[in-house]
Amino acid sequence: MSESPRRIAAAALGMATICLLWIEEPLVDSRHDAVYHWSGRPLHLFGPVVLDVFVLWLAFALFLFLARAPGRARVGVWAGIVLFVPSITLRNLVLLRFFKPPHLLSFALLGAAATAYVAVLLLWRPACAERFDRVVGLTSAVLGFVAILGMVLLVQIVWFGWQARSLNDPLPLHQPQTASTAATRPRIIWIILDELSYQQVYERRFQGLQLPTFDVLAAQATVFTHTIPAGVPINEDVSTAKILPSLLTGEQIDEIRSSATGQLSTHNPDTDAWQHFEQHGTVFQDALDAGYSTALVGWYNPYCRIMPAVLDRCFWTYGSGVQSGIAPGGTVGSNALEPLKFLAGSGAMYHLLRPVLRVPEHRVQDAKIHIVDFRQTTDVADSVLRDPSLGFVMLHFPFPHPGGIYDRKTGQLTTRPSTYIDNLALADKYLARVRSTLQQTGEWDSSTIVLMGDHGWRTGILWQTSPDWTQEEESASLGGQFDDRPAYIVKLAGQQTGATIDTPFRAVETRKLLDALLAQRIRSAEDLSAWVQQTH
């Protein structure tokens, strides 16, 4: 029995859909997370996926068309489809993070399929043709139904891509005033080091780790010893995407979602209501109202897209893309090629085919992207720090967030195996750079510095299950124990003596703290301690 061209086209689209579901799903997800964090041109996100669908669709159609006539070739093509679809489906579920089966199960399923495939080819007899045709007919019908899903996904991808066509077009920023009433007030520099743990910096530092700049800062600033992270309940999903909007608005946020155009909505657990993220309801509007000029340099969150009207200067970056090698820095062609290379190089043959296909190790690729993000954010931040006209500044950096990109022994950035402990040393090194820059402009002592982590080091709740987790990290975290406290340090203008605040402090109150600093209601460590007591 030979298939009609229509059935071949439907079966081919069904197979293409099964093979590429893992890169299609993020683009049609109702929360639009991939779109929200995409920092490149939208065509370079949506175009490659559409191109890959058509490439695989045509490839499968060609194979099925050539295998229409009865014979061993037809058996080989259809037996491959029937036997390998389960392992392909399992891989989709793993990549989409529906569940994480034991590696042995994936290899066993693939090995069983390969063994059965070889057996079918060797034991095939013409007498089996009628029974085989029934299997082919059933498989073809199932693929036809999957093809309907594939067509729906394809239409959705094109539609969402059209909606996102202006995703990262430059938006007009706030126009700074010619004269600032904050000219005689201290600059306020709010620094967020992503995943900076209080425990690892000050309370139980890893043996041999030197953090001299953090030590000097503690002798001149107020260190909070018990900060409760914003945005989420303790020990649950700790996400920068939720925490930063919470810090900016001063409201608890437990869920976020994006529109297809990349605009943010947040969910408040106290009111159980979704609301559009209102940039004028943030601390940056408070700073403008107080007469300050504003600047933001950030990572991961699309700050310049969601808050342009309250920023006089803005830069954000996030070099990672969706989990297929589709990256903001790629072209349509390279981003279309990467998923196909990953597809060909995944599974049991990955380690054999990776060198031939020139697919870098995921760790190395991620480290390269992380290093680019580090360099871009710190370089722009340096120029912002040197500009004294920018009175209220927020800097959000991608470190000490894992994976490791620094070798504390050599003092160099690296794509070789590195750890969170190394990244802490990098954070200390960059903090010294901030201090030196402000000292050169004569503004270190006269500036107020609020330095914090957005959340603690997510050991057992995230990183311990990563293949890059090291014995050093296991030891530093006492076996993956999670301490939720982020570091939180405030150096007031003119402060020269260190202090600590042991009262539990909810980081969601950071907007109120910054407002008090903007209004100069807090001028000393004693004022700060009293303010925290009142807030508590």
Protein backbone atom coordinates (compact mmCIF):
# COMPACT_ATOMS: atom_id res chain seq x y z
CA MET A 1 0.00 0.00 0.00
CA SER A 2 1.47 3.36 -0.99
CA GLU A 3 0.50 6.65 0.62
CA SER A 4 -1.07 9.57 -1.19
CA PRO A 5 0.85 12.89 -1.39
CA ARG A 6 -1.63 14.42 1.08
CA ARG A 7 -1.04 11.67 3.65
CA ILE A 8 2.70 11.95 3.13
CA ALA A 9 2.58 15.72 3.72
CA ALA A 10 0.48 15.26 6.87
CA ALA A 11 2.72 12.50 8.26
CA ALA A 12 5.82 14.55 7.50
CA LEU A 13 4.45 17.60 9.33
CA GLY A 14 3.48 15.34 12.24
CA MET A 15 7.04 14.04 12.49
CA ALA A 16 8.50 17.55 12.21
CA THR A 17 6.19 18.65 15.03
CA ILE A 18 7.22 15.75 17.27
CA CYS A 19 10.92 16.45 16.65
CA LEU A 20 10.68 20.22 17.20
CA LEU A 21 8.04 20.55 19.89
CA TRP A 22 10.74 21.44 22.40
CA ILE A 23 11.61 24.66 20.52
CA GLU A 24 8.06 25.48 19.43
CA GLU A 25 6.45 25.30 22.87
CA PRO A 26 8.40 28.21 24.46
CA LEU A 27 7.23 30.52 21.65
CA VAL A 28 3.53 29.73 22.15
CA ASP A 29 3.57 29.46 25.95
CA SER A 30 0.84 31.66 27.42
CA ARG A 31 3.32 33.41 29.76
CA HIS A 32 5.62 34.37 26.85
CA ASP A 33 8.71 33.99 29.04
CA ALA A 34 11.02 33.44 26.06
CA VAL A 35 9.76 36.64 24.45
CA TYR A 36 9.94 38.64 27.69
CA HIS A 37 13.64 37.92 28.28
CA TRP A 38 14.68 38.06 24.61
CA SER A 39 17.18 40.88 24.10
CA GLY A 40 17.72 40.55 20.35
CA ARG A 41 15.66 41.12 17.24
CA PRO A 42 12.34 39.23 17.31
CA LEU A 43 12.94 37.91 13.79
CA HIS A 44 15.99 36.06 15.12
CA LEU A 45 13.79 34.28 17.67
CA PHE A 46 10.71 33.36 15.64
CA GLY A 47 12.21 33.11 12.14
CA PRO A 48 14.61 30.21 12.85
CA VAL A 49 11.87 28.07 14.42
CA VAL A 50 9.56 28.53 11.44
CA LEU A 51 12.48 27.78 9.11
CA ASP A 52 13.38 24.61 11.02
CA VAL A 53 9.79 23.36 10.88
CA PHE A 54 9.73 23.73 7.09
CA VAL A 55 13.18 22.15 6.67
CA LEU A 56 12.24 19.05 8.67
CA TRP A 57 8.80 18.94 7.07
CA LEU A 58 10.34 18.82 3.60
CA ALA A 59 13.03 16.34 4.69
CA PHE A 60 10.51 13.88 6.13
CA ALA A 61 8.22 14.35 3.12
CA LEU A 62 11.10 13.50 0.80
CA PHE A 63 11.98 10.33 2.72
CA LEU A 64 8.36 9.21 2.87
CA PHE A 65 7.84 9.94 -0.83
CA LEU A 66 10.92 7.91 -1.79
CA ALA A 67 9.67 5.07 0.43
CA ARG A 68 6.21 4.80 -1.15
CA ALA A 69 6.96 1.63 -3.09
CA PRO A 70 6.85 -1.71 -1.23
CA GLY A 71 10.24 -3.03 -0.21
CA ARG A 72 12.99 -2.88 2.36
CA ALA A 73 13.49 0.90 1.93
CA ARG A 74 9.89 1.56 2.90
CA VAL A 75 10.24 -0.78 5.85
CA GLY A 76 13.38 1.03 6.97
CA VAL A 77 11.77 4.47 6.89
CA TRP A 78 8.49 3.55 8.58
CA ALA A 79 10.08 1.20 11.11
CA GLY A 80 12.40 4.02 12.12
CA ILE A 81 9.42 6.34 12.62
CA VAL A 82 7.42 3.80 14.62
CA LEU A 83 10.28 2.66 16.83
CA PHE A 84 12.07 5.93 17.54
CA VAL A 85 9.08 8.22 18.17
CA PRO A 86 8.83 7.11 21.86
CA SER A 87 12.43 8.13 22.61
CA ILE A 88 11.97 11.41 20.69
CA THR A 89 8.82 12.10 22.70
CA LEU A 90 10.65 11.37 25.95
CA ARG A 91 13.41 13.77 24.94
CA ASN A 92 10.79 16.46 24.30
CA LEU A 93 9.31 15.96 27.75
CA VAL A 94 12.76 16.20 29.34
CA LEU A 95 13.73 19.33 27.41
CA LEU A 96 10.39 20.93 28.27
CA ARG A 97 11.08 20.02 31.92
CA PHE A 98 7.86 18.11 32.45
CA PHE A 99 9.91 15.54 34.30
CA LYS A 100 13.47 14.30 34.59
CA PRO A 101 13.74 10.52 34.15
CA PRO A 102 16.86 8.58 35.12
CA HIS A 103 19.52 8.64 32.40
CA LEU A 104 19.35 4.85 32.33
CA LEU A 105 15.71 4.99 31.19
CA SER A 106 16.53 7.27 28.25
CA PHE A 107 19.41 5.08 27.13
CA ALA A 108 17.39 1.88 27.65
CA LEU A 109 14.52 3.20 25.56
CA LEU A 110 16.83 4.34 22.78
CA GLY A 111 18.80 1.11 22.91
CA ALA A 112 15.64 -0.99 22.72
CA ALA A 113 14.44 1.03 19.73
CA ALA A 114 17.77 0.61 17.94
CA THR A 115 17.85 -3.12 18.64
CA ALA A 116 14.27 -3.58 17.44
CA TYR A 117 15.02 -1.53 14.32
CA VAL A 118 17.97 -3.72 13.36
CA ALA A 119 15.92 -6.84 14.05
CA VAL A 120 13.06 -5.65 11.83
CA LEU A 121 15.43 -4.99 8.94
CA LEU A 122 17.18 -8.36 9.31
CA LEU A 123 14.06 -10.46 9.86
CA TRP A 124 11.81 -8.72 7.33
CA ARG A 125 9.95 -11.05 4.98
CA PRO A 126 7.42 -10.20 2.23
CA ALA A 127 4.84 -12.29 4.09
CA CYS A 128 4.85 -9.57 6.79
CA ALA A 129 3.82 -6.85 4.32
CA GLU A 130 0.09 -6.89 5.06
CA ARG A 131 0.56 -6.69 8.82
CA PHE A 132 3.23 -4.03 8.40
CA ASP A 133 0.91 -1.95 6.20
CA ARG A 134 -1.68 -1.94 8.97
CA VAL A 135 0.91 -0.58 11.39
CA VAL A 136 1.92 2.04 8.83
CA GLY A 137 -1.71 3.03 8.28
CA LEU A 138 -2.30 3.47 12.01
CA THR A 139 0.96 5.40 12.43
CA SER A 140 0.13 7.61 9.46
CA ALA A 141 -3.30 8.40 10.95
CA VAL A 142 -1.77 9.33 14.32
CA LEU A 143 0.81 11.55 12.63
CA GLY A 144 -2.01 13.19 10.70
CA PHE A 145 -3.64 14.23 13.97
CA VAL A 146 -0.28 15.48 15.26
CA ALA A 147 0.06 17.46 12.03
CA ILE A 148 -3.11 19.37 12.94
CA LEU A 149 -1.42 20.36 16.20
CA GLY A 150 1.69 21.26 14.22
CA MET A 151 -0.24 23.56 11.92
CA VAL A 152 -1.91 25.26 14.90
CA LEU A 153 1.51 25.78 16.53
CA LEU A 154 2.95 27.15 13.32
CA VAL A 155 0.12 29.66 12.94
CA GLN A 156 0.52 30.70 16.58
CA ILE A 157 4.27 31.18 16.19
CA VAL A 158 3.79 33.38 13.13
CA TRP A 159 1.04 35.37 14.89
CA PHE A 160 3.02 35.90 18.08
CA GLY A 161 6.09 36.78 16.02
CA TRP A 162 4.08 39.45 14.25
CA GLN A 163 2.85 40.84 17.55
CA ALA A 164 6.43 40.97 18.85
CA ARG A 165 7.83 42.61 15.72
CA SER A 166 8.70 45.82 17.64
CA LEU A 167 9.85 43.97 20.76
CA ASN A 168 13.18 45.69 21.39
CA ASP A 169 12.88 48.81 19.30
CA PRO A 170 14.44 51.76 21.19
CA LEU A 171 11.86 53.58 23.30
CA PRO A 172 12.02 57.26 24.30
CA LEU A 173 13.48 57.70 27.77
CA HIS A 174 12.63 60.29 30.36
CA GLN A 175 14.12 63.66 29.55
CA PRO A 176 16.37 64.86 32.39
CA GLN A 177 15.79 68.30 33.84
CA THR A 178 18.33 71.01 33.07
CA ALA A 179 18.89 71.59 36.75
CA SER A 180 18.48 68.96 39.42
CA THR A 181 17.31 69.78 42.92
CA ALA A 182 19.33 66.75 44.03
CA ALA A 183 22.63 68.33 43.02
CA THR A 184 23.65 68.94 46.63
CA ARG A 185 22.34 65.61 47.94
CA PRO A 186 24.28 62.34 48.13
CA ARG A 187 24.21 60.13 45.09
CA ILE A 188 22.29 56.94 45.77
CA ILE A 189 23.78 53.89 44.08
CA TRP A 190 21.72 50.72 44.39
CA ILE A 191 23.75 47.64 43.47
CA ILE A 192 22.17 44.20 43.10
CA LEU A 193 24.59 41.30 42.78
CA ASP A 194 22.50 38.40 41.56
CA GLU A 195 22.35 35.50 44.04
CA LEU A 196 24.64 37.14 46.60
CA SER A 197 24.38 35.09 49.80
CA TYR A 198 24.82 36.72 53.21
CA GLN A 199 25.80 33.39 54.69
CA GLN A 200 28.58 32.78 52.18
CA VAL A 201 29.94 36.35 52.28
CA TYR A 202 29.92 37.11 56.00
CA GLU A 203 28.59 34.32 58.19
CA ARG A 204 30.24 31.09 57.00
CA ARG A 205 32.76 31.95 54.33
CA PHE A 206 34.38 29.06 52.50
CA GLN A 207 37.79 28.21 53.90
CA GLY A 208 40.52 30.11 52.08
CA LEU A 209 38.15 32.43 50.19
CA GLN A 210 39.41 36.01 50.39
CA LEU A 211 36.86 38.83 50.05
CA PRO A 212 38.87 41.88 51.14
CA THR A 213 36.54 44.50 49.60
CA PHE A 214 33.49 43.06 51.33
CA ASP A 215 35.46 43.09 54.60
CA VAL A 216 36.47 46.73 54.17
CA LEU A 217 32.89 47.64 53.28
CA ALA A 218 31.55 45.94 56.41
CA ALA A 219 33.88 48.11 58.50
CA GLN A 220 32.34 51.24 56.95
CA ALA A 221 28.71 50.24 56.44
CA THR A 222 25.69 48.67 58.09
CA VAL A 223 25.29 44.94 57.45
CA PHE A 224 21.85 43.35 57.76
CA THR A 225 22.18 39.82 59.14
CA HIS A 226 18.64 38.55 58.55
CA THR A 227 17.11 39.78 55.30
CA ILE A 228 13.96 38.06 54.07
CA PRO A 229 13.95 37.92 50.26
CA ALA A 230 11.22 39.76 48.38
CA GLY A 231 8.69 38.37 45.99
CA VAL A 232 8.26 34.78 47.12
CA PRO A 233 7.69 32.71 50.24
CA ILE A 234 10.74 31.12 51.83
CA ASN A 235 11.98 27.83 50.32
CA GLU A 236 9.76 28.09 47.25
CA ASP A 237 10.55 29.10 43.69
CA VAL A 238 13.16 31.84 44.07
CA SER A 239 13.17 33.78 40.84
CA THR A 240 14.91 36.99 39.85
CA ALA A 241 12.08 37.64 37.40
CA LYS A 242 9.65 37.91 40.34
CA ILE A 243 11.92 39.48 42.92
CA LEU A 244 13.12 42.49 40.94
CA PRO A 245 9.62 43.82 40.12
CA SER A 246 8.80 43.31 43.80
CA LEU A 247 11.81 45.37 44.86
CA LEU A 248 10.99 48.10 42.35
CA THR A 249 7.35 48.43 43.35
CA GLY A 250 7.49 47.54 47.03
CA GLU A 251 4.73 44.96 46.56
CA GLN A 252 4.87 41.22 47.07
CA ILE A 253 4.77 39.38 43.75
CA ASP A 254 4.43 35.62 43.48
CA GLU A 255 3.82 35.21 39.73
CA ILE A 256 4.63 37.08 36.55
CA ARG A 257 3.62 36.78 32.94
CA SER A 258 4.27 38.68 29.75
CA SER A 259 2.17 39.71 26.81
CA ALA A 260 3.18 38.66 23.31
CA THR A 261 4.64 42.15 22.94
CA GLY A 262 6.97 41.62 25.92
CA GLN A 263 5.12 43.75 28.48
CA LEU A 264 5.03 42.61 32.09
CA SER A 265 2.07 41.74 34.32
CA THR A 266 2.42 40.73 37.96
CA HIS A 267 0.30 38.83 40.46
CA ASN A 268 -0.08 40.08 44.01
CA PRO A 269 -0.80 37.22 46.45
CA ASP A 270 -2.36 39.60 48.99
CA THR A 271 -5.03 40.85 46.58
CA ASP A 272 -5.02 37.73 44.37
CA ALA A 273 -5.09 40.06 41.36
CA TRP A 274 -3.11 40.38 38.15
CA GLN A 275 -2.07 43.88 37.14
CA HIS A 276 -0.02 45.48 34.41
CA PHE A 277 3.41 46.51 35.66
CA GLU A 278 3.19 50.26 36.15
CA GLN A 279 6.55 51.93 35.72
CA HIS A 280 5.31 55.11 37.40
CA GLY A 281 4.54 53.04 40.48
CA THR A 282 8.23 52.27 41.09
CA VAL A 283 11.07 53.76 43.09
CA PHE A 284 12.38 55.37 39.90
CA GLN A 285 9.31 57.58 39.72
CA ASP A 286 9.92 58.43 43.37
CA ALA A 287 13.48 59.45 42.50
CA LEU A 288 12.28 61.66 39.64
CA ASP A 289 9.71 63.25 41.93
CA ALA A 290 12.50 63.97 44.41
CA GLY A 291 14.46 65.78 41.71
CA TYR A 292 17.01 63.08 40.97
CA SER A 293 18.10 62.00 37.50
CA THR A 294 17.94 58.25 37.05
CA ALA A 295 19.98 55.51 35.43
CA LEU A 296 19.69 51.72 35.29
CA VAL A 297 22.11 49.10 34.04
CA GLY A 298 20.70 45.62 34.33
CA TRP A 299 20.70 41.96 33.42
CA TYR A 300 18.00 39.42 32.61
CA ASN A 301 14.94 41.63 33.07
CA PRO A 302 14.04 43.93 30.11
CA TYR A 303 14.24 47.12 32.16
CA CYS A 304 14.48 49.48 29.19
CA ARG A 305 11.31 47.98 27.71
CA ILE A 306 9.17 48.08 30.84
CA MET A 307 10.41 51.35 32.43
CA PRO A 308 11.61 53.78 29.73
CA ALA A 309 9.55 56.76 30.90
CA VAL A 310 11.19 56.89 34.34
CA LEU A 311 14.81 56.42 33.25
CA ASP A 312 17.17 59.07 31.96
CA ARG A 313 19.68 56.42 30.94
CA CYS A 314 19.16 52.69 30.50
CA PHE A 315 20.96 49.55 29.38
CA TRP A 316 20.01 45.89 29.77
CA THR A 317 21.27 42.64 28.35
CA TYR A 318 20.63 38.93 28.53
CA GLY A 319 22.70 36.84 26.16
CA SER A 320 20.98 33.52 26.78
CA GLY A 321 18.09 32.48 24.58
CA VAL A 322 15.80 29.49 24.47
CA GLN A 323 17.33 26.12 25.30
CA SER A 324 18.19 25.15 21.74
CA GLY A 325 21.12 27.40 20.96
CA ILE A 326 18.84 30.12 19.60
CA ALA A 327 20.59 33.18 20.99
CA PRO A 328 19.98 36.95 20.74
CA GLY A 329 23.42 37.44 19.23
CA GLY A 330 22.82 34.94 16.42
CA THR A 331 21.46 35.44 12.94
CA VAL A 332 18.39 33.81 11.46
CA GLY A 333 20.65 31.28 9.72
CA SER A 334 22.83 30.40 12.71
CA ASN A 335 19.85 30.24 15.04
CA ALA A 336 18.10 27.90 12.63
CA LEU A 337 21.17 25.68 12.41
CA GLU A 338 21.80 25.34 16.16
CA PRO A 339 18.62 23.40 17.02
CA LEU A 340 19.21 21.04 14.09
CA LYS A 341 22.76 20.43 15.28
CA PHE A 342 21.44 19.83 18.78
CA LEU A 343 18.79 17.50 17.40
CA ALA A 344 21.38 15.50 15.49
CA GLY A 345 23.84 15.53 18.38
CA SER A 346 21.48 14.61 21.21
CA GLY A 347 20.76 11.23 22.70
CA ALA A 348 23.16 8.33 22.89
CA MET A 349 25.25 9.57 19.92
CA TYR A 350 25.80 13.04 21.43
CA HIS A 351 29.38 12.56 22.57
CA LEU A 352 30.39 10.93 19.29
CA LEU A 353 28.76 13.51 17.03
CA ARG A 354 29.43 16.67 19.03
CA PRO A 355 33.02 17.18 17.79
CA VAL A 356 32.02 16.49 14.19
CA LEU A 357 29.08 18.91 14.38
CA ARG A 358 31.21 21.42 16.32
CA VAL A 359 28.64 21.67 19.07
CA PRO A 360 30.40 23.11 22.15
CA GLU A 361 29.75 21.71 25.59
CA HIS A 362 26.71 23.37 27.13
CA ARG A 363 28.77 24.50 30.10
CA VAL A 364 31.34 26.20 27.87
CA GLN A 365 28.67 27.83 25.74
CA ASP A 366 26.82 29.10 28.81
CA ALA A 367 30.05 30.43 30.31
CA LYS A 368 30.87 32.37 27.15
CA ILE A 369 27.44 34.00 27.21
CA HIS A 370 27.75 34.73 30.94
CA ILE A 371 31.14 36.38 30.39
CA VAL A 372 29.75 38.59 27.63
CA ASP A 373 26.90 39.63 29.93
CA PHE A 374 29.43 40.38 32.69
CA ARG A 375 31.58 42.54 30.45
CA GLN A 376 28.71 44.45 28.91
CA THR A 377 27.00 45.28 32.19
CA THR A 378 30.19 46.25 34.02
CA ASP A 379 31.53 48.38 31.16
CA VAL A 380 28.30 50.38 30.89
CA ALA A 381 28.08 50.59 34.69
CA ASP A 382 31.56 52.12 34.81
CA SER A 383 30.47 54.96 32.53
CA VAL A 384 27.33 55.53 34.60
CA LEU A 385 29.32 55.66 37.83
CA ARG A 386 31.66 58.25 36.30
CA ASP A 387 28.73 60.54 35.46
CA PRO A 388 27.91 62.55 38.62
CA SER A 389 24.78 64.01 36.99
CA LEU A 390 23.08 60.64 37.40
CA GLY A 391 21.96 60.92 40.99
CA PHE A 392 19.89 57.74 41.47
CA VAL A 393 21.50 54.67 39.92
CA MET A 394 20.56 51.00 39.95
CA LEU A 395 23.06 48.36 38.81
CA HIS A 396 21.95 44.73 38.50
CA PHE A 397 24.82 42.37 37.68
CA PRO A 398 24.87 38.68 36.59
CA PHE A 399 27.23 37.53 39.34
CA PRO A 400 27.93 35.69 41.60
CA HIS A 401 25.03 33.83 39.94
CA PRO A 402 26.22 30.38 38.76
CA GLY A 403 27.69 29.00 36.58
CA GLY A 404 31.20 29.88 37.37
CA ILE A 405 33.07 32.23 35.01
CA TYR A 406 36.10 33.14 37.13
CA ASP A 407 39.22 31.41 38.38
CA ARG A 408 40.16 32.95 41.71
CA LYS A 409 43.60 31.34 41.58
CA THR A 410 44.59 33.03 38.31
CA GLY A 411 42.37 36.09 38.71
CA GLN A 412 41.01 35.64 35.20
CA LEU A 413 37.63 35.04 33.59
CA THR A 414 37.37 31.47 32.31
CA THR A 415 35.15 29.01 30.47
CA ARG A 416 36.83 26.13 32.28
CA PRO A 417 35.14 24.49 35.29
CA SER A 418 34.51 27.13 37.92
CA THR A 419 32.26 27.51 40.96
CA TYR A 420 29.96 29.84 42.83
CA ILE A 421 32.83 30.37 45.26
CA ASP A 422 34.96 31.64 42.39
CA ASN A 423 32.14 33.96 41.37
CA LEU A 424 32.05 35.38 44.90
CA ALA A 425 35.70 36.32 44.45
CA LEU A 426 34.73 37.95 41.14
CA ALA A 427 31.99 39.93 42.91
CA ASP A 428 34.55 41.16 45.44
CA LYS A 429 36.93 42.12 42.65
CA TYR A 430 34.24 44.12 40.85
CA LEU A 431 33.15 45.80 44.08
CA ALA A 432 36.73 47.01 44.43
CA ARG A 433 36.40 48.39 40.89
CA VAL A 434 33.27 50.30 41.89
CA ARG A 435 34.98 51.71 44.95
CA SER A 436 38.05 52.75 42.94
CA THR A 437 35.92 54.41 40.25
CA LEU A 438 33.98 56.46 42.80
CA GLN A 439 37.15 57.34 44.69
CA GLN A 440 38.70 58.65 41.48
CA THR A 441 35.73 60.98 41.02
CA GLY A 442 35.74 61.90 44.71
CA GLU A 443 32.31 60.37 45.30
CA TRP A 444 32.83 57.21 47.35
CA ASP A 445 32.56 58.81 50.78
CA SER A 446 29.81 61.22 49.72
CA SER A 447 27.61 58.58 48.06
CA THR A 448 25.06 56.29 49.65
CA ILE A 449 25.55 52.69 48.53
CA VAL A 450 22.84 50.06 48.92
CA LEU A 451 24.37 46.69 48.04
CA MET A 452 22.26 43.54 48.08
CA GLY A 453 21.57 40.16 46.60
CA ASP A 454 18.16 39.55 45.12
CA HIS A 455 18.08 36.14 46.81
CA GLY A 456 20.45 33.68 48.43
CA TRP A 457 22.49 30.95 46.81
CA ARG A 458 19.92 28.43 45.56
CA THR A 459 21.88 25.35 46.51
CA GLY A 460 19.63 22.37 47.21
CA ILE A 461 16.56 23.90 45.54
CA LEU A 462 18.27 24.33 42.17
CA TRP A 463 22.01 24.01 41.60
CA GLN A 464 22.79 20.80 43.47
CA THR A 465 21.08 18.77 40.74
CA SER A 466 23.10 20.48 38.01
CA PRO A 467 25.80 18.37 36.31
CA ASP A 468 28.22 21.26 36.95
CA TRP A 469 27.81 21.09 40.75
CA THR A 470 31.22 20.57 42.33
CA GLN A 471 32.60 19.07 45.51
CA GLU A 472 33.73 22.56 46.53
CA GLU A 473 30.13 23.81 46.31
CA GLU A 474 28.88 20.72 48.13
CA SER A 475 31.29 21.44 50.95
CA ALA A 476 30.61 25.19 51.06
CA SER A 477 26.85 24.63 51.27
CA LEU A 478 27.15 21.80 53.84
CA GLY A 479 25.62 19.30 51.49
CA GLY A 480 23.32 21.63 49.55
CA GLN A 481 21.63 23.28 52.53
CA PHE A 482 19.67 26.32 51.34
CA ASP A 483 19.96 29.57 53.27
CA ASP A 484 17.47 32.04 51.80
CA ARG A 485 19.09 35.22 53.17
CA PRO A 486 20.53 37.56 50.57
CA ALA A 487 23.34 39.90 51.54
CA TYR A 488 22.11 43.42 52.36
CA ILE A 489 24.54 46.24 53.12
CA VAL A 490 23.96 49.99 53.37
CA LYS A 491 26.84 52.49 53.37
CA LEU A 492 25.46 55.94 54.08
CA ALA A 493 27.10 59.09 52.80
CA GLY A 494 29.90 60.01 55.18
CA GLN A 495 29.63 56.77 57.17
CA GLN A 496 32.98 55.53 58.46
CA THR A 497 32.01 53.06 61.20
CA GLY A 498 30.59 49.60 60.69
CA ALA A 499 27.37 48.42 62.27
CA THR A 500 24.98 45.46 62.08
CA ILE A 501 21.20 45.14 62.14
CA ASP A 502 19.99 41.79 63.44
CA THR A 503 16.29 42.61 63.25
CA PRO A 504 14.62 40.61 60.45
CA PHE A 505 14.17 42.92 57.48
CA ARG A 506 11.82 42.22 54.58
CA ALA A 507 13.60 43.11 51.36
CA VAL A 508 10.24 44.07 49.85
CA GLU A 509 10.58 47.23 51.99
CA THR A 510 13.59 48.31 49.91
CA ARG A 511 11.50 50.87 48.01
CA LYS A 512 10.49 52.48 51.30
CA LEU A 513 14.11 52.49 52.43
CA LEU A 514 15.24 54.12 49.21
CA ASP A 515 12.44 56.68 49.49
CA ALA A 516 13.66 57.55 52.99
CA LEU A 517 17.19 57.94 51.64
CA LEU A 518 15.95 60.09 48.75
CA ALA A 519 14.17 62.35 51.25
CA GLN A 520 17.26 62.36 53.52
CA ARG A 521 15.26 61.07 56.46
CA ILE A 522 18.09 58.61 57.16
CA ARG A 523 21.47 60.26 57.67
CA SER A 524 23.26 57.98 60.14
CA ALA A 525 23.58 54.34 61.11
CA GLU A 526 21.45 55.11 64.16
CA ASP A 527 18.73 56.58 61.94
CA LEU A 528 18.85 53.47 59.78
CA SER A 529 18.57 51.12 62.75
CA ALA A 530 15.61 53.09 64.14
CA TRP A 531 13.90 53.10 60.74
CA VAL A 532 14.25 49.31 60.43
CA GLN A 533 12.82 48.84 63.92
CA GLN A 534 9.81 50.98 63.01
CA THR A 535 9.32 49.09 59.74
CA HIS A 536 9.56 45.74 61.50
